[in-house]
Amino acid sequence: MANISYLENPLESEDLYEKLCQPVRNWFKQKFPDFTEPQKLAIPSIMNKDHLLLCSPTGSGKTLTAFLTIIDDLVRHALEGTLEERVYCLYISPIKALANDIQKNLIGPLEEIEKNYLPDRAQGKIRVGLRTGDTPQSERQKMLRKPPHILITTPESMAIAISSPRFQPIVSNVEWIIIDEMHSLVPSKRGVHLALTISLLDT
């Protein structure tokens, strides 16, 4: 049986800033006045790679809560020259329109960090890819040659992707999985199918 606990002690803002690498910290301070309460609670847990169910109101920064640690981790790899050609993070959305929005919302901050806060010595570009039923075959082939570091997809497209012998190695060492709108998946067959798909990543 799973051991469930609730996050009750938010980290102070200055302590949370100290956990971020300098480029991400500088970008965040320039964009936002402070962390939100959900961010102060959840980000330290995400940094510890704990399993987390995040429920908070619209406008409380859930998306950035989920992605800030991942962005920070990828930027650190870029600074250290250790950014590999593989998928580090899977973002799974039950809705294609939401997946499209998330891609746009990630590309902007990453481009801002790269342009304004990363030193010239930093390695390469952190890539975000989108794979849904609407993704052209040419774009899917491009992902095989140069995998995105963050892959945004749907449950069905994910199932197809990891069943491909050519694509499976790219996602075999995923470190982060984000499932958005989980409440719409859990009571349905899509949720069962997604759970089985994710279990294949552990084999």
C-alpha atoms as a PDB file:
ATOM      1  CA  MET A   1       0.000   0.000   0.000  1.00  0.00           C
ATOM      2  CA  ALA A   2       1.290   3.459  -0.927  1.00  0.00           C
ATOM      3  CA  ASN A   3       2.471   5.732   1.853  1.00  0.00           C
ATOM      4  CA  ILE A   4       0.694   9.073   1.320  1.00  0.00           C
ATOM      5  CA  SER A   5       1.678  12.261   3.101  1.00  0.00           C
ATOM      6  CA  TYR A   6       0.674  15.891   2.663  1.00  0.00           C
ATOM      7  CA  LEU A   7       3.015  18.825   2.131  1.00  0.00           C
ATOM      8  CA  GLU A   8       2.506  21.292   4.960  1.00  0.00           C
ATOM      9  CA  ASN A   9       5.740  23.251   5.404  1.00  0.00           C
ATOM     10  CA  PRO A  10       6.462  25.649   2.532  1.00  0.00           C
ATOM     11  CA  LEU A  11      10.080  26.570   1.954  1.00  0.00           C
ATOM     12  CA  GLU A  12      11.039  30.211   2.386  1.00  0.00           C
ATOM     13  CA  SER A  13      11.567  32.049  -0.891  1.00  0.00           C
ATOM     14  CA  GLU A  14      15.259  32.760  -0.325  1.00  0.00           C
ATOM     15  CA  ASP A  15      15.921  29.117   0.508  1.00  0.00           C
ATOM     16  CA  LEU A  16      14.135  28.071  -2.673  1.00  0.00           C
ATOM     17  CA  TYR A  17      16.095  30.570  -4.767  1.00  0.00           C
ATOM     18  CA  GLU A  18      19.296  29.040  -3.410  1.00  0.00           C
ATOM     19  CA  LYS A  19      18.265  25.662  -4.793  1.00  0.00           C
ATOM     20  CA  LEU A  20      18.084  27.021  -8.352  1.00  0.00           C
ATOM     21  CA  CYS A  21      21.096  27.491 -10.599  1.00  0.00           C
ATOM     22  CA  GLN A  22      21.990  31.113 -11.258  1.00  0.00           C
ATOM     23  CA  PRO A  23      20.557  31.465 -14.810  1.00  0.00           C
ATOM     24  CA  VAL A  24      17.174  30.052 -13.767  1.00  0.00           C
ATOM     25  CA  ARG A  25      17.178  32.016 -10.519  1.00  0.00           C
ATOM     26  CA  ASN A  26      17.915  35.275 -12.344  1.00  0.00           C
ATOM     27  CA  TRP A  27      15.247  34.583 -14.962  1.00  0.00           C
ATOM     28  CA  PHE A  28      12.623  33.766 -12.334  1.00  0.00           C
ATOM     29  CA  LYS A  29      13.360  36.897 -10.295  1.00  0.00           C
ATOM     30  CA  GLN A  30      13.040  39.030 -13.411  1.00  0.00           C
ATOM     31  CA  LYS A  31       9.705  37.450 -14.420  1.00  0.00           C
ATOM     32  CA  PHE A  32       7.898  36.954 -11.104  1.00  0.00           C
ATOM     33  CA  PRO A  33       7.617  38.876  -7.816  1.00  0.00           C
ATOM     34  CA  ASP A  34       7.812  35.705  -5.707  1.00  0.00           C
ATOM     35  CA  PHE A  35       7.002  32.003  -5.596  1.00  0.00           C
ATOM     36  CA  THR A  36       3.382  31.042  -5.069  1.00  0.00           C
ATOM     37  CA  GLU A  37       2.392  28.939  -2.079  1.00  0.00           C
ATOM     38  CA  PRO A  38       2.003  25.735  -4.173  1.00  0.00           C
ATOM     39  CA  GLN A  39       5.480  26.347  -5.603  1.00  0.00           C
ATOM     40  CA  LYS A  40       7.022  26.776  -2.147  1.00  0.00           C
ATOM     41  CA  LEU A  41       5.394  23.528  -1.067  1.00  0.00           C
ATOM     42  CA  ALA A  42       5.886  21.355  -4.132  1.00  0.00           C
ATOM     43  CA  ILE A  43       9.152  22.356  -5.804  1.00  0.00           C
ATOM     44  CA  PRO A  44      11.419  21.023  -3.007  1.00  0.00           C
ATOM     45  CA  SER A  45       9.575  17.695  -3.187  1.00  0.00           C
ATOM     46  CA  ILE A  46       9.952  17.597  -6.971  1.00  0.00           C
ATOM     47  CA  MET A  47      13.660  18.324  -6.587  1.00  0.00           C
ATOM     48  CA  ASN A  48      13.859  15.243  -4.375  1.00  0.00           C
ATOM     49  CA  LYS A  49      12.136  13.303  -7.194  1.00  0.00           C
ATOM     50  CA  ASP A  50       9.254  12.358  -4.933  1.00  0.00           C
ATOM     51  CA  HIS A  51       6.002  11.191  -6.514  1.00  0.00           C
ATOM     52  CA  LEU A  52       3.594  14.084  -6.198  1.00  0.00           C
ATOM     53  CA  LEU A  53      -0.077  14.801  -6.848  1.00  0.00           C
ATOM     54  CA  LEU A  54      -0.495  18.561  -7.171  1.00  0.00           C
ATOM     55  CA  CYS A  55      -3.955  20.087  -6.782  1.00  0.00           C
ATOM     56  CA  SER A  56      -4.190  23.872  -6.669  1.00  0.00           C
ATOM     57  CA  PRO A  57      -6.421  26.637  -8.061  1.00  0.00           C
ATOM     58  CA  THR A  58      -6.165  28.057 -11.564  1.00  0.00           C
ATOM     59  CA  GLY A  59      -3.589  30.829 -11.660  1.00  0.00           C
ATOM     60  CA  SER A  60      -1.496  29.442  -8.814  1.00  0.00           C
ATOM     61  CA  GLY A  61       1.392  28.479 -11.085  1.00  0.00           C
ATOM     62  CA  LYS A  62       0.865  24.722 -11.388  1.00  0.00           C
ATOM     63  CA  THR A  63       2.584  24.429 -14.769  1.00  0.00           C
ATOM     64  CA  LEU A  64       5.687  26.295 -13.636  1.00  0.00           C
ATOM     65  CA  THR A  65       5.630  24.345 -10.376  1.00  0.00           C
ATOM     66  CA  ALA A  66       5.881  21.145 -12.386  1.00  0.00           C
ATOM     67  CA  PHE A  67       8.485  22.338 -14.870  1.00  0.00           C
ATOM     68  CA  LEU A  68      10.798  24.682 -12.951  1.00  0.00           C
ATOM     69  CA  THR A  69      12.873  21.887 -11.425  1.00  0.00           C
ATOM     70  CA  ILE A  70      13.141  20.179 -14.818  1.00  0.00           C
ATOM     71  CA  ILE A  71      14.196  23.402 -16.527  1.00  0.00           C
ATOM     72  CA  ASP A  72      16.742  23.952 -13.761  1.00  0.00           C
ATOM     73  CA  ASP A  73      18.099  20.418 -14.164  1.00  0.00           C
ATOM     74  CA  LEU A  74      18.447  20.761 -17.942  1.00  0.00           C
ATOM     75  CA  VAL A  75      20.110  24.167 -17.655  1.00  0.00           C
ATOM     76  CA  ARG A  76      22.606  22.684 -15.184  1.00  0.00           C
ATOM     77  CA  HIS A  77      23.407  19.942 -17.711  1.00  0.00           C
ATOM     78  CA  ALA A  78      23.882  22.587 -20.412  1.00  0.00           C
ATOM     79  CA  LEU A  79      26.247  24.543 -18.157  1.00  0.00           C
ATOM     80  CA  GLU A  80      28.248  21.411 -17.323  1.00  0.00           C
ATOM     81  CA  GLY A  81      28.336  20.139 -20.917  1.00  0.00           C
ATOM     82  CA  THR A  82      26.496  16.937 -19.973  1.00  0.00           C
ATOM     83  CA  LEU A  83      23.218  17.422 -21.864  1.00  0.00           C
ATOM     84  CA  GLU A  84      22.543  14.094 -23.597  1.00  0.00           C
ATOM     85  CA  GLU A  85      20.644  13.323 -26.806  1.00  0.00           C
ATOM     86  CA  ARG A  86      17.616  11.786 -25.107  1.00  0.00           C
ATOM     87  CA  VAL A  87      14.280  12.578 -23.503  1.00  0.00           C
ATOM     88  CA  TYR A  88      14.614  13.681 -19.882  1.00  0.00           C
ATOM     89  CA  CYS A  89      10.987  14.630 -19.287  1.00  0.00           C
ATOM     90  CA  LEU A  90       7.669  13.301 -20.574  1.00  0.00           C
ATOM     91  CA  TYR A  91       4.672  15.589 -20.314  1.00  0.00           C
ATOM     92  CA  ILE A  92       1.433  13.720 -20.996  1.00  0.00           C
ATOM     93  CA  SER A  93      -1.840  15.524 -21.623  1.00  0.00           C
ATOM     94  CA  PRO A  94      -5.225  13.962 -22.422  1.00  0.00           C
ATOM     95  CA  ILE A  95      -6.030  16.989 -24.612  1.00  0.00           C
ATOM     96  CA  LYS A  96      -4.090  17.877 -27.778  1.00  0.00           C
ATOM     97  CA  ALA A  97      -4.924  21.575 -27.490  1.00  0.00           C
ATOM     98  CA  LEU A  98      -3.434  21.656 -23.990  1.00  0.00           C
ATOM     99  CA  ALA A  99      -0.312  19.883 -25.246  1.00  0.00           C
ATOM    100  CA  ASN A 100       0.077  22.564 -27.930  1.00  0.00           C
ATOM    101  CA  ASP A 101      -0.267  25.316 -25.327  1.00  0.00           C
ATOM    102  CA  ILE A 102       2.295  23.724 -23.026  1.00  0.00           C
ATOM    103  CA  GLN A 103       4.815  23.528 -25.856  1.00  0.00           C
ATOM    104  CA  LYS A 104       4.451  27.260 -26.523  1.00  0.00           C
ATOM    105  CA  ASN A 105       4.595  28.070 -22.809  1.00  0.00           C
ATOM    106  CA  LEU A 106       7.858  26.141 -22.427  1.00  0.00           C
ATOM    107  CA  ILE A 107       9.665  27.378 -25.515  1.00  0.00           C
ATOM    108  CA  GLY A 108       9.340  31.018 -24.445  1.00  0.00           C
ATOM    109  CA  PRO A 109      11.036  30.703 -21.028  1.00  0.00           C
ATOM    110  CA  LEU A 110      13.747  28.403 -22.373  1.00  0.00           C
ATOM    111  CA  GLU A 111      14.568  30.867 -25.156  1.00  0.00           C
ATOM    112  CA  GLU A 112      14.656  33.745 -22.660  1.00  0.00           C
ATOM    113  CA  ILE A 113      17.010  31.850 -20.346  1.00  0.00           C
ATOM    114  CA  GLU A 114      19.259  30.809 -23.226  1.00  0.00           C
ATOM    115  CA  LYS A 115      19.411  34.286 -24.751  1.00  0.00           C
ATOM    116  CA  ASN A 116      19.682  36.432 -21.630  1.00  0.00           C
ATOM    117  CA  TYR A 117      21.083  34.311 -18.810  1.00  0.00           C
ATOM    118  CA  LEU A 118      23.167  31.420 -20.147  1.00  0.00           C
ATOM    119  CA  PRO A 119      26.871  32.055 -20.761  1.00  0.00           C
ATOM    120  CA  ASP A 120      28.255  31.420 -24.236  1.00  0.00           C
ATOM    121  CA  ARG A 121      30.094  28.344 -22.979  1.00  0.00           C
ATOM    122  CA  ALA A 122      26.799  26.552 -22.226  1.00  0.00           C
ATOM    123  CA  GLN A 123      26.223  23.432 -24.291  1.00  0.00           C
ATOM    124  CA  GLY A 124      23.636  23.386 -27.046  1.00  0.00           C
ATOM    125  CA  LYS A 125      19.959  24.197 -26.963  1.00  0.00           C
ATOM    126  CA  ILE A 126      17.354  22.637 -24.679  1.00  0.00           C
ATOM    127  CA  ARG A 127      14.744  21.212 -27.029  1.00  0.00           C
ATOM    128  CA  VAL A 128      10.993  20.792 -26.585  1.00  0.00           C
ATOM    129  CA  GLY A 129       9.129  18.401 -28.893  1.00  0.00           C
ATOM    130  CA  LEU A 130       5.456  17.724 -29.507  1.00  0.00           C
ATOM    131  CA  ARG A 131       4.180  14.328 -30.619  1.00  0.00           C
ATOM    132  CA  THR A 132       0.441  13.822 -31.101  1.00  0.00           C
ATOM    133  CA  GLY A 133      -1.717  12.266 -33.782  1.00  0.00           C
ATOM    134  CA  ASP A 134      -1.316  15.506 -35.755  1.00  0.00           C
ATOM    135  CA  THR A 135       2.488  15.450 -35.789  1.00  0.00           C
ATOM    136  CA  PRO A 136       3.799  14.990 -39.368  1.00  0.00           C
ATOM    137  CA  GLN A 137       5.899  11.938 -40.114  1.00  0.00           C
ATOM    138  CA  SER A 138       8.813  14.182 -41.057  1.00  0.00           C
ATOM    139  CA  GLU A 139       8.782  15.728 -37.576  1.00  0.00           C
ATOM    140  CA  ARG A 140       8.669  12.280 -35.958  1.00  0.00           C
ATOM    141  CA  GLN A 141      11.708  11.231 -37.970  1.00  0.00           C
ATOM    142  CA  LYS A 142      13.474  14.400 -36.887  1.00  0.00           C
ATOM    143  CA  MET A 143      12.864  13.439 -33.245  1.00  0.00           C
ATOM    144  CA  LEU A 144      14.643  10.146 -33.845  1.00  0.00           C
ATOM    145  CA  ARG A 145      17.706  11.955 -35.170  1.00  0.00           C
ATOM    146  CA  LYS A 146      17.690  14.716 -32.553  1.00  0.00           C
ATOM    147  CA  PRO A 147      15.439  13.844 -29.609  1.00  0.00           C
ATOM    148  CA  PRO A 148      13.724  16.592 -27.620  1.00  0.00           C
ATOM    149  CA  HIS A 149      14.827  16.889 -24.016  1.00  0.00           C
ATOM    150  CA  ILE A 150      11.196  17.530 -23.050  1.00  0.00           C
ATOM    151  CA  LEU A 151       8.620  15.511 -24.993  1.00  0.00           C
ATOM    152  CA  ILE A 152       4.995  16.629 -24.893  1.00  0.00           C
ATOM    153  CA  THR A 153       2.521  13.985 -25.951  1.00  0.00           C
ATOM    154  CA  THR A 154      -0.856  12.316 -25.381  1.00  0.00           C
ATOM    155  CA  PRO A 155      -1.494   8.887 -23.823  1.00  0.00           C
ATOM    156  CA  GLU A 156      -2.235   7.287 -27.193  1.00  0.00           C
ATOM    157  CA  SER A 157       0.752   8.800 -28.984  1.00  0.00           C
ATOM    158  CA  MET A 158       2.990   7.807 -26.096  1.00  0.00           C
ATOM    159  CA  ALA A 159       1.822   4.198 -26.315  1.00  0.00           C
ATOM    160  CA  ILE A 160       2.597   4.095 -30.030  1.00  0.00           C
ATOM    161  CA  ALA A 161       5.973   5.773 -29.576  1.00  0.00           C
ATOM    162  CA  ILE A 162       7.380   3.436 -26.938  1.00  0.00           C
ATOM    163  CA  SER A 163       6.282   0.396 -28.924  1.00  0.00           C
ATOM    164  CA  SER A 164       8.626   1.500 -31.709  1.00  0.00           C
ATOM    165  CA  PRO A 165      12.049  -0.208 -31.514  1.00  0.00           C
ATOM    166  CA  ARG A 166      13.678   2.952 -32.886  1.00  0.00           C
ATOM    167  CA  PHE A 167      11.976   5.338 -30.468  1.00  0.00           C
ATOM    168  CA  GLN A 168      12.054   3.234 -27.311  1.00  0.00           C
ATOM    169  CA  PRO A 169      15.766   3.817 -26.532  1.00  0.00           C
ATOM    170  CA  ILE A 170      15.199   7.584 -26.593  1.00  0.00           C
ATOM    171  CA  VAL A 171      12.734   7.377 -23.700  1.00  0.00           C
ATOM    172  CA  SER A 172      14.328   4.471 -21.844  1.00  0.00           C
ATOM    173  CA  ASN A 173      16.008   6.752 -19.284  1.00  0.00           C
ATOM    174  CA  VAL A 174      13.271   9.299 -18.673  1.00  0.00           C
ATOM    175  CA  GLU A 175      13.768  11.027 -15.313  1.00  0.00           C
ATOM    176  CA  TRP A 176      10.526  13.003 -15.048  1.00  0.00           C
ATOM    177  CA  ILE A 177       6.922  12.223 -15.967  1.00  0.00           C
ATOM    178  CA  ILE A 178       4.203  14.863 -15.703  1.00  0.00           C
ATOM    179  CA  ILE A 179       0.578  13.834 -16.217  1.00  0.00           C
ATOM    180  CA  ASP A 180      -1.759  16.790 -16.598  1.00  0.00           C
ATOM    181  CA  GLU A 181      -5.522  16.759 -16.022  1.00  0.00           C
ATOM    182  CA  MET A 182      -5.181  13.382 -14.334  1.00  0.00           C
ATOM    183  CA  HIS A 183      -8.719  13.557 -12.973  1.00  0.00           C
ATOM    184  CA  SER A 184     -10.034  13.149 -16.526  1.00  0.00           C
ATOM    185  CA  LEU A 185      -7.951  10.003 -17.088  1.00  0.00           C
ATOM    186  CA  VAL A 186      -8.223   8.074 -13.829  1.00  0.00           C
ATOM    187  CA  PRO A 187     -11.836   6.829 -14.119  1.00  0.00           C
ATOM    188  CA  SER A 188     -11.535   5.828 -17.783  1.00  0.00           C
ATOM    189  CA  LYS A 189      -9.930   3.166 -19.942  1.00  0.00           C
ATOM    190  CA  ARG A 190      -7.483   5.815 -21.106  1.00  0.00           C
ATOM    191  CA  GLY A 191      -6.147   5.980 -17.564  1.00  0.00           C
ATOM    192  CA  VAL A 192      -5.685   2.215 -17.372  1.00  0.00           C
ATOM    193  CA  HIS A 193      -3.975   2.219 -20.758  1.00  0.00           C
ATOM    194  CA  LEU A 194      -1.664   5.051 -19.702  1.00  0.00           C
ATOM    195  CA  ALA A 195      -0.696   3.244 -16.492  1.00  0.00           C
ATOM    196  CA  LEU A 196       0.272   0.181 -18.528  1.00  0.00           C
ATOM    197  CA  THR A 197       2.235   2.326 -20.970  1.00  0.00           C
ATOM    198  CA  ILE A 198       4.199   4.014 -18.193  1.00  0.00           C
ATOM    199  CA  SER A 199       4.939   0.640 -16.608  1.00  0.00           C
ATOM    200  CA  LEU A 200       6.748  -0.327 -19.821  1.00  0.00           C
ATOM    201  CA  LEU A 201       9.284   2.414 -19.165  1.00  0.00           C
ATOM    202  CA  ASP A 202      10.432   0.478 -16.094  1.00  0.00           C
ATOM    203  CA  THR A 203      11.109  -2.736 -17.995  1.00  0.00           C
END
